PDB file of N, CA and C in Angstrom:
ATOM      1  N   MET A   1       1.013  -1.009   0.074  1.00  0.00           N
ATOM      2  CA  MET A   1      -0.142  -0.178  -0.173  1.00  0.00           C
ATOM      3  C   MET A   1       1.216   1.333  -0.053  1.00  0.00           C
ATOM      4  N   ASP A   2       0.758   2.029  -0.434  1.00  0.00           N
ATOM      5  CA  ASP A   2       1.578   3.390  -0.740  1.00  0.00           C
ATOM      6  C   ASP A   2       0.358   4.442   0.118  1.00  0.00           C
ATOM      7  N   GLU A   3       2.232   5.539   0.500  1.00  0.00           N
ATOM      8  CA  GLU A   3       1.792   6.368   2.009  1.00  0.00           C
ATOM      9  C   GLU A   3       1.342   7.170   0.931  1.00  0.00           C
ATOM     10  N   THR A   4       0.612   8.330   1.376  1.00  0.00           N
ATOM     11  CA  THR A   4       0.203   9.842   0.946  1.00  0.00           C
ATOM     12  C   THR A   4      -0.539  10.288   1.615  1.00  0.00           C
ATOM     13  N   ILE A   5       0.527  11.698   1.592  1.00  0.00           N
ATOM     14  CA  ILE A   5       0.047  12.927   2.422  1.00  0.00           C
ATOM     15  C   ILE A   5      -0.950  13.965   1.381  1.00  0.00           C
ATOM     16  N   LYS A   6      -1.928  14.249   1.439  1.00  0.00           N
ATOM     17  CA  LYS A   6      -2.662  15.009   0.592  1.00  0.00           C
ATOM     18  C   LYS A   6      -2.423  14.451  -0.998  1.00  0.00           C
ATOM     19  N   GLY A   7      -3.223  13.101  -0.774  1.00  0.00           N
ATOM     20  CA  GLY A   7      -2.444  12.659  -2.287  1.00  0.00           C
ATOM     21  C   GLY A   7      -1.149  12.716  -3.321  1.00  0.00           C
ATOM     22  N   LYS A   8      -0.077  13.195  -2.075  1.00  0.00           N
ATOM     23  CA  LYS A   8       1.178  12.697  -3.007  1.00  0.00           C
ATOM     24  C   LYS A   8       1.556  11.442  -2.708  1.00  0.00           C
ATOM     25  N   SER A   9       2.058  10.709  -3.552  1.00  0.00           N
ATOM     26  CA  SER A   9       3.021   9.542  -3.073  1.00  0.00           C
ATOM     27  C   SER A   9       3.966  10.219  -1.862  1.00  0.00           C
ATOM     28  N   VAL A  10       4.502   9.047  -0.867  1.00  0.00           N
ATOM     29  CA  VAL A  10       5.221   9.500   0.049  1.00  0.00           C
ATOM     30  C   VAL A  10       6.690   8.253   0.371  1.00  0.00           C
ATOM     31  N   THR A  11       7.610   8.425  -0.127  1.00  0.00           N
ATOM     32  CA  THR A  11       8.300   6.870  -0.226  1.00  0.00           C
ATOM     33  C   THR A  11       8.597   6.745   1.041  1.00  0.00           C
ATOM     34  N   ASP A  12       9.619   5.612   1.089  1.00  0.00           N
ATOM     35  CA  ASP A  12      10.168   5.539   2.269  1.00  0.00           C
ATOM     36  C   ASP A  12      11.499   5.909   2.589  1.00  0.00           C
ATOM     37  N   ASP A  13      11.833   6.792   1.339  1.00  0.00           N
ATOM     38  CA  ASP A  13      13.289   7.012   1.715  1.00  0.00           C
ATOM     39  C   ASP A  13      12.647   8.815   2.394  1.00  0.00           C
ATOM     40  N   GLN A  14      11.338   9.349   1.728  1.00  0.00           N
ATOM     41  CA  GLN A  14      10.905  10.257   2.802  1.00  0.00           C
ATOM     42  C   GLN A  14      10.511   9.977   4.376  1.00  0.00           C
ATOM     43  N   ILE A  15      10.375   9.219   4.654  1.00  0.00           N
ATOM     44  CA  ILE A  15       9.704   8.843   5.765  1.00  0.00           C
ATOM     45  C   ILE A  15      10.860   8.402   6.543  1.00  0.00           C
ATOM     46  N   ARG A  16      11.952   7.761   6.200  1.00  0.00           N
ATOM     47  CA  ARG A  16      13.126   7.768   7.107  1.00  0.00           C
ATOM     48  C   ARG A  16      13.453   8.940   7.145  1.00  0.00           C
ATOM     49  N   ALA A  17      13.841  10.136   6.171  1.00  0.00           N
ATOM     50  CA  ALA A  17      14.223  11.251   6.399  1.00  0.00           C
ATOM     51  C   ALA A  17      13.651  12.295   7.425  1.00  0.00           C
ATOM     52  N   TRP A  18      12.456  12.077   7.181  1.00  0.00           N
ATOM     53  CA  TRP A  18      11.500  12.470   8.921  1.00  0.00           C
ATOM     54  C   TRP A  18      11.997  12.494   9.936  1.00  0.00           C
ATOM     55  N   GLN A  19      11.582  10.502  10.012  1.00  0.00           N
ATOM     56  CA  GLN A  19      12.403   9.915  11.212  1.00  0.00           C
ATOM     57  C   GLN A  19      13.531  10.261  11.790  1.00  0.00           C
ATOM     58  N   GLN A  20      14.441  10.837  11.061  1.00  0.00           N
ATOM     59  CA  GLN A  20      16.043  11.409  11.530  1.00  0.00           C
ATOM     60  C   GLN A  20      15.429  12.666  11.708  1.00  0.00           C
ATOM     61  N   GLN A  21      15.139  13.520  11.478  1.00  0.00           N
ATOM     62  CA  GLN A  21      14.965  15.003  11.407  1.00  0.00           C
ATOM     63  C   GLN A  21      14.406  14.943  12.822  1.00  0.00           C
ATOM     64  N   ALA A  22      13.257  13.970  12.748  1.00  0.00           N
ATOM     65  CA  ALA A  22      13.131  14.058  14.352  1.00  0.00           C
ATOM     66  C   ALA A  22      13.603  13.500  15.503  1.00  0.00           C
ATOM     67  N   ARG A  23      14.308  12.899  14.921  1.00  0.00           N
ATOM     68  CA  ARG A  23      15.277  12.040  15.999  1.00  0.00           C
ATOM     69  C   ARG A  23      16.455  13.527  16.508  1.00  0.00           C
ATOM     70  N   GLU A  24      16.558  14.028  15.377  1.00  0.00           N
ATOM     71  CA  GLU A  24      18.018  15.421  15.494  1.00  0.00           C
ATOM     72  C   GLU A  24      17.155  16.212  16.037  1.00  0.00           C
ATOM     73  N   GLY A  25      16.141  16.578  16.570  1.00  0.00           N
ATOM     74  CA  GLY A  25      15.260  17.729  17.042  1.00  0.00           C
ATOM     75  C   GLY A  25      14.679  18.341  15.956  1.00  0.00           C
ATOM     76  N   LEU A  26      13.450  18.724  15.666  1.00  0.00           N
ATOM     77  CA  LEU A  26      12.717  19.376  14.618  1.00  0.00           C
ATOM     78  C   LEU A  26      12.445  21.083  14.933  1.00  0.00           C
ATOM     79  N   ASP A  27      12.680  22.016  14.258  1.00  0.00           N
ATOM     80  CA  ASP A  27      12.768  23.455  14.417  1.00  0.00           C
ATOM     81  C   ASP A  27      11.312  23.764  14.160  1.00  0.00           C
ATOM     82  N   VAL A  28      10.746  23.617  15.615  1.00  0.00           N
ATOM     83  CA  VAL A  28       9.198  24.072  15.524  1.00  0.00           C
ATOM     84  C   VAL A  28       9.015  25.420  15.033  1.00  0.00           C
ATOM     85  N   GLU A  29       9.598  26.197  15.576  1.00  0.00           N
ATOM     86  CA  GLU A  29       9.280  27.446  14.965  1.00  0.00           C
ATOM     87  C   GLU A  29       9.584  27.448  13.627  1.00  0.00           C
ATOM     88  N   GLY A  30      10.134  26.810  12.958  1.00  0.00           N
ATOM     89  CA  GLY A  30       9.717  27.011  11.060  1.00  0.00           C
ATOM     90  C   GLY A  30       8.747  26.260  10.354  1.00  0.00           C
ATOM     91  N   LEU A  31       7.787  25.555  11.994  1.00  0.00           N
ATOM     92  CA  LEU A  31       6.675  24.171  11.269  1.00  0.00           C
ATOM     93  C   LEU A  31       5.427  25.397  11.039  1.00  0.00           C
ATOM     94  N   SER A  32       4.451  25.549  10.343  1.00  0.00           N
ATOM     95  CA  SER A  32       3.425  26.456  10.173  1.00  0.00           C
ATOM     96  C   SER A  32       2.729  25.749  11.030  1.00  0.00           C
ATOM     97  N   ARG A  33       1.813  26.802  12.177  1.00  0.00           N
ATOM     98  CA  ARG A  33       1.183  27.076  12.519  1.00  0.00           C
ATOM     99  C   ARG A  33      -0.764  26.017  11.812  1.00  0.00           C
ATOM    100  N   ARG A  34      -1.144  25.270  13.011  1.00  0.00           N
ATOM    101  CA  ARG A  34      -2.195  24.529  12.458  1.00  0.00           C
ATOM    102  C   ARG A  34      -3.677  25.105  13.170  1.00  0.00           C
ATOM    103  N   GLY A  35      -4.501  25.002  12.190  1.00  0.00           N
ATOM    104  CA  GLY A  35      -5.496  25.966  12.626  1.00  0.00           C
ATOM    105  C   GLY A  35      -6.478  26.842  12.714  1.00  0.00           C
ATOM    106  N   ARG A  36      -6.955  27.880  12.982  1.00  0.00           N
ATOM    107  CA  ARG A  36      -7.202  29.024  12.425  1.00  0.00           C
ATOM    108  C   ARG A  36      -6.826  30.174  12.912  1.00  0.00           C
ATOM    109  N   PRO A  37      -6.453  31.291  12.867  1.00  0.00           N
ATOM    110  CA  PRO A  37      -5.591  32.016  13.128  1.00  0.00           C
ATOM    111  C   PRO A  37      -7.213  32.935  14.160  1.00  0.00           C
ATOM    112  N   ARG A  38      -5.925  33.051  15.516  1.00  0.00           N
ATOM    113  CA  ARG A  38      -7.122  33.899  16.640  1.00  0.00           C
ATOM    114  C   ARG A  38      -7.577  35.316  16.306  1.00  0.00           C
ATOM    115  N   LEU A  39      -8.205  35.370  16.602  1.00  0.00           N
ATOM    116  CA  LEU A  39      -9.640  36.647  16.238  1.00  0.00           C
ATOM    117  C   LEU A  39      -8.899  38.053  17.168  1.00  0.00           C
ATOM    118  N   GLY A  40      -7.965  38.797  17.142  1.00  0.00           N
ATOM    119  CA  GLY A  40      -7.794  39.950  17.942  1.00  0.00           C
ATOM    120  C   GLY A  40      -6.275  39.456  18.521  1.00  0.00           C
ATOM    121  N   LYS A  41      -6.206  40.200  19.896  1.00  0.00           N
ATOM    122  CA  LYS A  41      -5.016  40.088  20.932  1.00  0.00           C
ATOM    123  C   LYS A  41      -5.429  39.261  22.245  1.00  0.00           C
ATOM    124  N   ALA A  42      -6.518  39.116  22.390  1.00  0.00           N
ATOM    125  CA  ALA A  42      -6.588  38.739  23.724  1.00  0.00           C
ATOM    126  C   ALA A  42      -6.037  37.420  23.808  1.00  0.00           C
ATOM    127  N   GLY A  43      -6.012  36.296  23.058  1.00  0.00           N
ATOM    128  CA  GLY A  43      -5.854  35.179  22.756  1.00  0.00           C
ATOM    129  C   GLY A  43      -7.046  34.079  22.662  1.00  0.00           C
ATOM    130  N   GLU A  44      -7.138  33.514  23.282  1.00  0.00           N
ATOM    131  CA  GLU A  44      -8.505  32.259  22.957  1.00  0.00           C
ATOM    132  C   GLU A  44      -9.469  33.035  22.024  1.00  0.00           C
ATOM    133  N   SER A  45      -9.905  32.266  20.889  1.00  0.00           N
ATOM    134  CA  SER A  45     -11.299  32.376  20.327  1.00  0.00           C
ATOM    135  C   SER A  45     -12.458  31.227  20.680  1.00  0.00           C
ATOM    136  N   PRO A  46     -13.010  31.857  21.301  1.00  0.00           N
ATOM    137  CA  PRO A  46     -14.250  30.078  21.493  1.00  0.00           C
ATOM    138  C   PRO A  46     -14.920  30.071  20.900  1.00  0.00           C
ATOM    139  N   VAL A  47     -15.026  29.142  20.303  1.00  0.00           N
ATOM    140  CA  VAL A  47     -16.357  28.953  19.546  1.00  0.00           C
ATOM    141  C   VAL A  47     -18.120  28.932  20.023  1.00  0.00           C
ATOM    142  N   ILE A  48     -18.679  29.897  19.755  1.00  0.00           N
ATOM    143  CA  ILE A  48     -19.841  29.375  19.683  1.00  0.00           C
ATOM    144  C   ILE A  48     -20.804  29.202  18.839  1.00  0.00           C
ATOM    145  N   PRO A  49     -21.491  28.126  19.049  1.00  0.00           N
ATOM    146  CA  PRO A  49     -22.329  27.630  18.776  1.00  0.00           C
ATOM    147  C   PRO A  49     -23.513  28.258  18.562  1.00  0.00           C
ATOM    148  N   VAL A  50     -24.295  28.523  17.396  1.00  0.00           N
ATOM    149  CA  VAL A  50     -25.578  29.549  17.001  1.00  0.00           C
ATOM    150  C   VAL A  50     -26.550  28.278  16.219  1.00  0.00           C
ATOM    151  N   ARG A  51     -27.271  28.649  16.982  1.00  0.00           N
ATOM    152  CA  ARG A  51     -28.477  27.707  16.121  1.00  0.00           C
ATOM    153  C   ARG A  51     -29.918  29.210  15.698  1.00  0.00           C
ATOM    154  N   MET A  52     -30.345  28.447  14.566  1.00  0.00           N
ATOM    155  CA  MET A  52     -31.118  29.216  13.804  1.00  0.00           C
ATOM    156  C   MET A  52     -31.713  28.651  12.734  1.00  0.00           C
ATOM    157  N   ASP A  53     -33.390  28.923  12.441  1.00  0.00           N
ATOM    158  CA  ASP A  53     -34.128  28.556  11.702  1.00  0.00           C
ATOM    159  C   ASP A  53     -33.916  28.457  10.192  1.00  0.00           C
ATOM    160  N   ALA A  54     -34.359  28.093   9.198  1.00  0.00           N
ATOM    161  CA  ALA A  54     -33.884  28.060   8.079  1.00  0.00           C
ATOM    162  C   ALA A  54     -34.125  29.224   7.272  1.00  0.00           C
ATOM    163  N   GLU A  55     -35.087  30.285   7.599  1.00  0.00           N
ATOM    164  CA  GLU A  55     -34.874  31.256   6.955  1.00  0.00           C
ATOM    165  C   GLU A  55     -34.098  32.233   7.075  1.00  0.00           C
ATOM    166  N   LEU A  56     -33.651  32.428   8.380  1.00  0.00           N
ATOM    167  CA  LEU A  56     -32.379  33.021   8.657  1.00  0.00           C
ATOM    168  C   LEU A  56     -31.358  32.730   8.398  1.00  0.00           C
ATOM    169  N   LEU A  57     -31.210  31.831   8.540  1.00  0.00           N
ATOM    170  CA  LEU A  57     -29.481  30.818   7.511  1.00  0.00           C
ATOM    171  C   LEU A  57     -29.284  31.471   6.484  1.00  0.00           C
ATOM    172  N   GLU A  58     -30.822  31.269   5.665  1.00  0.00           N
ATOM    173  CA  GLU A  58     -30.630  31.360   4.169  1.00  0.00           C
ATOM    174  C   GLU A  58     -30.428  33.037   4.421  1.00  0.00           C
ATOM    175  N   ALA A  59     -31.113  34.037   4.852  1.00  0.00           N
ATOM    176  CA  ALA A  59     -30.749  35.567   4.652  1.00  0.00           C
ATOM    177  C   ALA A  59     -29.499  35.933   4.864  1.00  0.00           C
ATOM    178  N   LEU A  60     -28.975  35.390   5.794  1.00  0.00           N
ATOM    179  CA  LEU A  60     -27.713  35.647   6.664  1.00  0.00           C
ATOM    180  C   LEU A  60     -26.714  34.782   5.588  1.00  0.00           C
ATOM    181  N   THR A  61     -26.655  33.933   4.789  1.00  0.00           N
ATOM    182  CA  THR A  61     -26.031  33.160   3.693  1.00  0.00           C
ATOM    183  C   THR A  61     -26.294  34.082   2.695  1.00  0.00           C
ATOM    184  N   LYS A  62     -26.834  34.414   2.492  1.00  0.00           N
ATOM    185  CA  LYS A  62     -27.276  35.660   1.069  1.00  0.00           C
ATOM    186  C   LYS A  62     -26.815  36.527   1.323  1.00  0.00           C
ATOM    187  N   ARG A  63     -26.163  37.510   2.749  1.00  0.00           N
ATOM    188  CA  ARG A  63     -25.952  38.699   2.763  1.00  0.00           C
ATOM    189  C   ARG A  63     -24.379  38.534   3.266  1.00  0.00           C
ATOM    190  N   ALA A  64     -23.818  37.414   3.444  1.00  0.00           N
ATOM    191  CA  ALA A  64     -22.578  37.545   3.875  1.00  0.00           C
ATOM    192  C   ALA A  64     -21.871  37.170   1.894  1.00  0.00           C
ATOM    193  N   GLU A  65     -22.584  36.479   0.937  1.00  0.00           N
ATOM    194  CA  GLU A  65     -22.253  36.409   0.143  1.00  0.00           C
ATOM    195  C   GLU A  65     -22.093  37.889  -0.610  1.00  0.00           C
ATOM    196  N   ARG A  66     -23.263  38.512  -0.688  1.00  0.00           N
ATOM    197  CA  ARG A  66     -23.194  39.825  -0.895  1.00  0.00           C
ATOM    198  C   ARG A  66     -21.969  40.478  -0.609  1.00  0.00           C
ATOM    199  N   ASP A  67     -22.002  40.777   0.764  1.00  0.00           N
ATOM    200  CA  ASP A  67     -20.693  41.774   1.380  1.00  0.00           C
ATOM    201  C   ASP A  67     -19.508  40.992   1.222  1.00  0.00           C
ATOM    202  N   GLY A  68     -19.789  39.421   0.481  1.00  0.00           N
ATOM    203  CA  GLY A  68     -18.420  39.074  -0.207  1.00  0.00           C
ATOM    204  C   GLY A  68     -17.375  38.842   1.714  1.00  0.00           C
ATOM    205  N   VAL A  69     -18.094  38.280   2.791  1.00  0.00           N
ATOM    206  CA  VAL A  69     -17.460  37.632   3.496  1.00  0.00           C
ATOM    207  C   VAL A  69     -18.387  36.637   3.941  1.00  0.00           C
ATOM    208  N   SER A  70     -17.578  35.536   5.007  1.00  0.00           N
ATOM    209  CA  SER A  70     -18.126  34.712   5.579  1.00  0.00           C
ATOM    210  C   SER A  70     -19.558  35.179   6.470  1.00  0.00           C
ATOM    211  N   ARG A  71     -20.006  33.577   6.610  1.00  0.00           N
ATOM    212  CA  ARG A  71     -20.737  33.800   7.504  1.00  0.00           C
ATOM    213  C   ARG A  71     -20.843  34.024   9.079  1.00  0.00           C
ATOM    214  N   SER A  72     -19.249  33.839   9.534  1.00  0.00           N
ATOM    215  CA  SER A  72     -19.080  33.987  10.658  1.00  0.00           C
ATOM    216  C   SER A  72     -18.517  35.778  11.067  1.00  0.00           C
ATOM    217  N   ALA A  73     -17.794  36.253   9.982  1.00  0.00           N
ATOM    218  CA  ALA A  73     -17.708  37.561   9.920  1.00  0.00           C
ATOM    219  C   ALA A  73     -19.230  38.183  10.431  1.00  0.00           C
ATOM    220  N   ALA A  74     -20.015  37.921   9.432  1.00  0.00           N
ATOM    221  CA  ALA A  74     -20.871  38.888   9.441  1.00  0.00           C
ATOM    222  C   ALA A  74     -21.573  38.555  10.873  1.00  0.00           C
ATOM    223  N   ILE A  75     -21.606  37.502  11.247  1.00  0.00           N
ATOM    224  CA  ILE A  75     -22.721  37.290  12.950  1.00  0.00           C
ATOM    225  C   ILE A  75     -21.501  37.943  13.737  1.00  0.00           C
ATOM    226  N   ARG A  76     -20.307  38.007  13.843  1.00  0.00           N
ATOM    227  CA  ARG A  76     -19.460  38.746  14.297  1.00  0.00           C
ATOM    228  C   ARG A  76     -19.718  40.246  14.454  1.00  0.00           C
ATOM    229  N   ASP A  77     -19.803  40.715  13.316  1.00  0.00           N
ATOM    230  CA  ASP A  77     -19.971  42.149  12.491  1.00  0.00           C
ATOM    231  C   ASP A  77     -21.337  42.437  13.231  1.00  0.00           C
ATOM    232  N   ALA A  78     -22.415  41.285  13.238  1.00  0.00           N
ATOM    233  CA  ALA A  78     -23.495  42.186  14.138  1.00  0.00           C
ATOM    234  C   ALA A  78     -23.775  42.069  15.145  1.00  0.00           C
ATOM    235  N   VAL A  79     -23.075  41.507  15.772  1.00  0.00           N
ATOM    236  CA  VAL A  79     -22.953  40.996  17.854  1.00  0.00           C
ATOM    237  C   VAL A  79     -22.208  42.851  17.921  1.00  0.00           C
ATOM    238  N   ARG A  80     -21.340  42.590  16.871  1.00  0.00           N
ATOM    239  CA  ARG A  80     -20.347  43.765  17.277  1.00  0.00           C
ATOM    240  C   ARG A  80     -21.695  45.530  17.298  1.00  0.00           C
ATOM    241  N   ALA A  81     -22.238  45.230  16.813  1.00  0.00           N
ATOM    242  CA  ALA A  81     -22.814  46.632  15.993  1.00  0.00           C
ATOM    243  C   ALA A  81     -24.188  46.291  17.676  1.00  0.00           C
ATOM    244  N   TRP A  82     -24.636  45.336  17.319  1.00  0.00           N
ATOM    245  CA  TRP A  82     -25.424  44.931  18.834  1.00  0.00           C
ATOM    246  C   TRP A  82     -25.706  45.432  19.990  1.00  0.00           C
ATOM    247  N   THR A  83     -24.136  45.162  19.864  1.00  0.00           N
ATOM    248  CA  THR A  83     -23.276  45.188  21.523  1.00  0.00           C
ATOM    249  C   THR A  83     -22.706  46.989  21.547  1.00  0.00           C
ATOM    250  N   HIS A  84     -22.189  47.499  20.971  1.00  0.00           N
ATOM    251  CA  HIS A  84     -21.742  48.476  20.374  1.00  0.00           C
ATOM    252  C   HIS A  84     -20.402  47.935  21.084  1.00  0.00           C
ATOM    253  N   ALA A  85     -19.737  47.646  20.426  1.00  0.00           N
ATOM    254  CA  ALA A  85     -18.416  46.937  20.979  1.00  0.00           C
ATOM    255  C   ALA A  85     -17.148  46.393  19.672  1.00  0.00           C
ATOM    256  N   ALA A  86     -16.062  47.413  20.504  1.00  0.00           N
ATOM    257  CA  ALA A  86     -15.054  47.800  18.927  1.00  0.00           C
ATOM    258  C   ALA A  86     -15.097  46.740  18.142  1.00  0.00           C
TER     259      ALA A  86
END
């Protein structure tokens, strides 16, 4: 069975090279960060699940697409406006 990463074949030689690199110590600073970037300077960005009916979700999706933003960004903007937060 061929090993793949993101659809690209990985050779046994490449795996051995990675193993050797791990034994020698990885340059952690040089690795890219995983996950989504933080929102703001306060540190954590907790995920807040929100339930809405289909009509509201459709309106949100259309408005976000029209404004060229994600639904999450549209919700954050609406909450900021409602709470008068910066």
